Amino acid sequence: MDKEREAIAAAERELVERRNRLVEMEREEREKELQRLVKKLTIESAIAILTRAVDLKPKAALEALQAVGEKAVGKPQSEKALEPA
């Protein structure tokens, strides 16, 4: 019985470690994506966009940008999701 408890405890510790590694990998991926997107803009533009987003509240800023993007393309984002890639 003790060996089973130890095995379960070890498996639980390993699971926690794996979850922590996954969280770190996801954070690194988001950071890479952010850096990739910032490279497409000037630093000044990126700062201005992010400053405005913070001033407007991130959710409102994202909704406004999505609305502008939909008008520019002419299709709502929900319709785009249905199109084949």
N, C-alpha and C. Protein backbone atom coordinates (compact mmCIF):
# COMPACT_ATOMS: atom_id res chain seq x y z
N MET A 1 0.82 -1.20 0.00
CA MET A 1 0.00 0.00 0.00
C MET A 1 0.86 1.26 0.00
N ASP A 2 1.96 1.22 0.77
CA ASP A 2 2.82 2.40 0.84
C ASP A 2 3.45 2.70 -0.52
N LYS A 3 3.85 1.65 -1.24
CA LYS A 3 4.44 1.85 -2.56
C LYS A 3 3.44 2.49 -3.52
N GLU A 4 2.19 2.09 -3.43
CA GLU A 4 1.15 2.67 -4.28
C GLU A 4 0.95 4.14 -3.96
N ARG A 5 0.93 4.47 -2.67
CA ARG A 5 0.77 5.87 -2.26
C ARG A 5 1.95 6.70 -2.74
N GLU A 6 3.14 6.18 -2.62
CA GLU A 6 4.33 6.88 -3.08
C GLU A 6 4.29 7.07 -4.60
N ALA A 7 3.86 6.05 -5.31
CA ALA A 7 3.77 6.13 -6.76
C ALA A 7 2.75 7.18 -7.18
N ILE A 8 1.62 7.20 -6.49
CA ILE A 8 0.59 8.20 -6.79
C ILE A 8 1.09 9.60 -6.48
N ALA A 9 1.76 9.76 -5.36
CA ALA A 9 2.31 11.07 -4.98
C ALA A 9 3.34 11.53 -6.00
N ALA A 10 4.19 10.62 -6.46
CA ALA A 10 5.20 10.96 -7.47
C ALA A 10 4.52 11.36 -8.78
N ALA A 11 3.50 10.64 -9.16
CA ALA A 11 2.78 10.96 -10.39
C ALA A 11 2.10 12.32 -10.28
N GLU A 12 1.55 12.63 -9.11
CA GLU A 12 0.92 13.93 -8.91
C GLU A 12 1.94 15.05 -8.98
N ARG A 13 3.13 14.83 -8.40
CA ARG A 13 4.20 15.85 -8.48
C ARG A 13 4.63 16.06 -9.93
N GLU A 14 4.76 14.96 -10.65
CA GLU A 14 5.15 15.06 -12.06
C GLU A 14 4.09 15.82 -12.86
N LEU A 15 2.82 15.56 -12.58
CA LEU A 15 1.74 16.25 -13.27
C LEU A 15 1.80 17.75 -13.00
N VAL A 16 2.04 18.13 -11.76
CA VAL A 16 2.15 19.55 -11.41
C VAL A 16 3.33 20.18 -12.17
N GLU A 17 4.46 19.48 -12.22
CA GLU A 17 5.62 19.99 -12.94
C GLU A 17 5.32 20.15 -14.43
N ARG A 18 4.64 19.16 -15.01
CA ARG A 18 4.30 19.23 -16.43
C ARG A 18 3.34 20.38 -16.72
N ARG A 19 2.37 20.58 -15.83
CA ARG A 19 1.43 21.71 -15.99
C ARG A 19 2.18 23.03 -15.92
N ASN A 20 3.11 23.14 -14.98
CA ASN A 20 3.89 24.36 -14.85
C ASN A 20 4.74 24.61 -16.10
N ARG A 21 5.33 23.54 -16.65
CA ARG A 21 6.11 23.69 -17.89
C ARG A 21 5.21 24.13 -19.04
N LEU A 22 4.01 23.57 -19.11
CA LEU A 22 3.07 23.95 -20.16
C LEU A 22 2.69 25.42 -20.05
N VAL A 23 2.43 25.88 -18.85
CA VAL A 23 2.09 27.29 -18.63
C VAL A 23 3.26 28.17 -19.09
N GLU A 24 4.46 27.78 -18.76
CA GLU A 24 5.64 28.55 -19.17
C GLU A 24 5.80 28.54 -20.69
N MET A 25 5.59 27.40 -21.32
CA MET A 25 5.69 27.31 -22.78
C MET A 25 4.63 28.19 -23.45
N GLU A 26 3.42 28.20 -22.92
CA GLU A 26 2.36 29.04 -23.46
C GLU A 26 2.71 30.51 -23.31
N ARG A 27 3.28 30.89 -22.17
CA ARG A 27 3.69 32.28 -21.95
C ARG A 27 4.76 32.68 -22.96
N GLU A 28 5.72 31.79 -23.19
CA GLU A 28 6.78 32.06 -24.15
C GLU A 28 6.22 32.21 -25.56
N GLU A 29 5.24 31.39 -25.92
CA GLU A 29 4.62 31.49 -27.25
C GLU A 29 3.90 32.83 -27.41
N ARG A 30 3.19 33.27 -26.37
CA ARG A 30 2.51 34.57 -26.43
C ARG A 30 3.53 35.69 -26.57
N GLU A 31 4.63 35.58 -25.86
CA GLU A 31 5.69 36.60 -25.94
C GLU A 31 6.27 36.64 -27.35
N LYS A 32 6.51 35.48 -27.96
CA LYS A 32 7.04 35.43 -29.33
C LYS A 32 6.05 36.06 -30.31
N GLU A 33 4.77 35.76 -30.13
CA GLU A 33 3.74 36.32 -31.00
C GLU A 33 3.69 37.84 -30.86
N LEU A 34 3.79 38.32 -29.65
CA LEU A 34 3.80 39.75 -29.41
C LEU A 34 5.00 40.39 -30.10
N GLN A 35 6.17 39.81 -29.94
CA GLN A 35 7.38 40.34 -30.58
C GLN A 35 7.26 40.32 -32.09
N ARG A 36 6.67 39.25 -32.65
CA ARG A 36 6.50 39.14 -34.10
C ARG A 36 5.59 40.26 -34.61
N LEU A 37 4.51 40.52 -33.87
CA LEU A 37 3.57 41.55 -34.29
C LEU A 37 4.17 42.95 -34.13
N VAL A 38 4.90 43.18 -33.06
CA VAL A 38 5.51 44.49 -32.83
C VAL A 38 6.54 44.79 -33.92
N LYS A 39 7.22 43.76 -34.42
CA LYS A 39 8.20 43.97 -35.49
C LYS A 39 7.55 44.50 -36.76
N LYS A 40 6.26 44.22 -36.94
CA LYS A 40 5.56 44.70 -38.12
C LYS A 40 5.18 46.18 -38.01
N LEU A 41 5.27 46.72 -36.81
CA LEU A 41 4.96 48.12 -36.57
C LEU A 41 6.23 48.84 -36.13
N THR A 42 6.19 50.16 -36.19
CA THR A 42 7.28 50.89 -35.55
C THR A 42 7.05 50.81 -34.04
N ILE A 43 8.09 50.99 -33.29
CA ILE A 43 7.96 50.97 -31.82
C ILE A 43 6.98 52.06 -31.38
N GLU A 44 7.07 53.21 -32.00
CA GLU A 44 6.18 54.32 -31.65
C GLU A 44 4.72 53.95 -31.89
N SER A 45 4.45 53.30 -33.03
CA SER A 45 3.08 52.89 -33.35
C SER A 45 2.59 51.85 -32.34
N ALA A 46 3.42 50.89 -32.03
CA ALA A 46 3.03 49.86 -31.07
C ALA A 46 2.72 50.47 -29.71
N ILE A 47 3.56 51.38 -29.27
CA ILE A 47 3.33 52.06 -27.98
C ILE A 47 2.05 52.86 -28.03
N ALA A 48 1.81 53.59 -29.12
CA ALA A 48 0.59 54.41 -29.24
C ALA A 48 -0.65 53.53 -29.21
N ILE A 49 -0.62 52.42 -29.95
CA ILE A 49 -1.77 51.52 -29.99
C ILE A 49 -2.04 50.93 -28.60
N LEU A 50 -0.99 50.46 -27.95
CA LEU A 50 -1.16 49.85 -26.63
C LEU A 50 -1.59 50.88 -25.59
N THR A 51 -1.08 52.09 -25.69
CA THR A 51 -1.48 53.15 -24.75
C THR A 51 -2.95 53.46 -24.91
N ARG A 52 -3.41 53.58 -26.16
CA ARG A 52 -4.83 53.84 -26.41
C ARG A 52 -5.68 52.67 -25.90
N ALA A 53 -5.22 51.47 -26.11
CA ALA A 53 -5.97 50.29 -25.65
C ALA A 53 -6.13 50.31 -24.14
N VAL A 54 -5.08 50.68 -23.44
CA VAL A 54 -5.16 50.75 -21.98
C VAL A 54 -6.11 51.87 -21.56
N ASP A 55 -6.04 53.01 -22.26
CA ASP A 55 -6.94 54.12 -21.93
C ASP A 55 -8.40 53.76 -22.16
N LEU A 56 -8.68 53.01 -23.22
CA LEU A 56 -10.06 52.64 -23.56
C LEU A 56 -10.58 51.44 -22.79
N LYS A 57 -9.73 50.74 -22.16
CA LYS A 57 -9.98 49.44 -21.54
C LYS A 57 -9.76 48.41 -22.65
N PRO A 58 -9.00 47.39 -22.37
CA PRO A 58 -8.63 46.41 -23.42
C PRO A 58 -9.82 45.80 -24.17
N LYS A 59 -10.88 45.46 -23.47
CA LYS A 59 -12.02 44.83 -24.14
C LYS A 59 -12.65 45.78 -25.16
N ALA A 60 -12.86 47.03 -24.76
CA ALA A 60 -13.45 48.01 -25.66
C ALA A 60 -12.53 48.29 -26.85
N ALA A 61 -11.23 48.36 -26.60
CA ALA A 61 -10.27 48.60 -27.67
C ALA A 61 -10.28 47.45 -28.67
N LEU A 62 -10.31 46.23 -28.17
CA LEU A 62 -10.33 45.06 -29.05
C LEU A 62 -11.61 45.04 -29.88
N GLU A 63 -12.73 45.33 -29.26
CA GLU A 63 -14.00 45.37 -30.00
C GLU A 63 -13.97 46.43 -31.08
N ALA A 64 -13.40 47.60 -30.77
CA ALA A 64 -13.31 48.68 -31.76
C ALA A 64 -12.41 48.28 -32.92
N LEU A 65 -11.29 47.67 -32.63
CA LEU A 65 -10.38 47.23 -33.70
C LEU A 65 -11.02 46.14 -34.55
N GLN A 66 -11.74 45.24 -33.94
CA GLN A 66 -12.42 44.19 -34.70
C GLN A 66 -13.49 44.78 -35.60
N ALA A 67 -14.21 45.78 -35.11
CA ALA A 67 -15.25 46.43 -35.91
C ALA A 67 -14.62 47.14 -37.11
N VAL A 68 -13.52 47.82 -36.90
CA VAL A 68 -12.82 48.49 -38.00
C VAL A 68 -12.32 47.47 -39.00
N GLY A 69 -11.77 46.36 -38.50
CA GLY A 69 -11.28 45.31 -39.38
C GLY A 69 -12.39 44.70 -40.22
N GLU A 70 -13.55 44.52 -39.63
CA GLU A 70 -14.69 43.96 -40.36
C GLU A 70 -15.15 44.91 -41.45
N LYS A 71 -15.16 46.21 -41.16
CA LYS A 71 -15.56 47.19 -42.16
C LYS A 71 -14.56 47.23 -43.31
N ALA A 72 -13.28 47.12 -42.98
CA ALA A 72 -12.24 47.19 -44.00
C ALA A 72 -12.32 46.01 -44.96
N VAL A 73 -12.64 44.85 -44.44
CA VAL A 73 -12.71 43.64 -45.26
C VAL A 73 -14.11 43.44 -45.82
N GLY A 74 -15.10 43.93 -45.10
CA GLY A 74 -16.46 43.79 -45.57
C GLY A 74 -17.20 42.58 -45.06
N LYS A 75 -16.58 41.79 -44.21
CA LYS A 75 -17.22 40.61 -43.66
C LYS A 75 -17.03 40.59 -42.15
N PRO A 76 -18.06 40.20 -41.43
CA PRO A 76 -17.89 40.03 -39.98
C PRO A 76 -16.93 38.88 -39.68
N GLN A 77 -16.25 38.97 -38.56
CA GLN A 77 -15.30 37.93 -38.16
C GLN A 77 -15.97 36.57 -38.06
N SER A 78 -17.23 36.53 -37.65
CA SER A 78 -17.91 35.24 -37.51
C SER A 78 -18.07 34.56 -38.86
N GLU A 79 -18.28 35.33 -39.94
CA GLU A 79 -18.36 34.73 -41.26
C GLU A 79 -17.01 34.25 -41.75
N LYS A 80 -15.96 34.97 -41.41
CA LYS A 80 -14.62 34.57 -41.81
C LYS A 80 -14.26 33.23 -41.21
N ALA A 81 -14.69 32.99 -40.00
CA ALA A 81 -14.35 31.74 -39.31
C ALA A 81 -14.94 30.54 -40.04
N LEU A 82 -16.01 30.76 -40.77
CA LEU A 82 -16.66 29.66 -41.47
C LEU A 82 -16.02 29.35 -42.82
N GLU A 83 -15.21 30.28 -43.33
CA GLU A 83 -14.59 30.07 -44.63
C GLU A 83 -13.47 29.05 -44.53
N PRO A 84 -13.27 28.25 -45.58
CA PRO A 84 -12.14 27.31 -45.56
C PRO A 84 -10.82 28.07 -45.65
N ALA A 85 -9.80 27.51 -45.05
CA ALA A 85 -8.49 28.18 -45.04
C ALA A 85 -7.80 28.08 -46.37
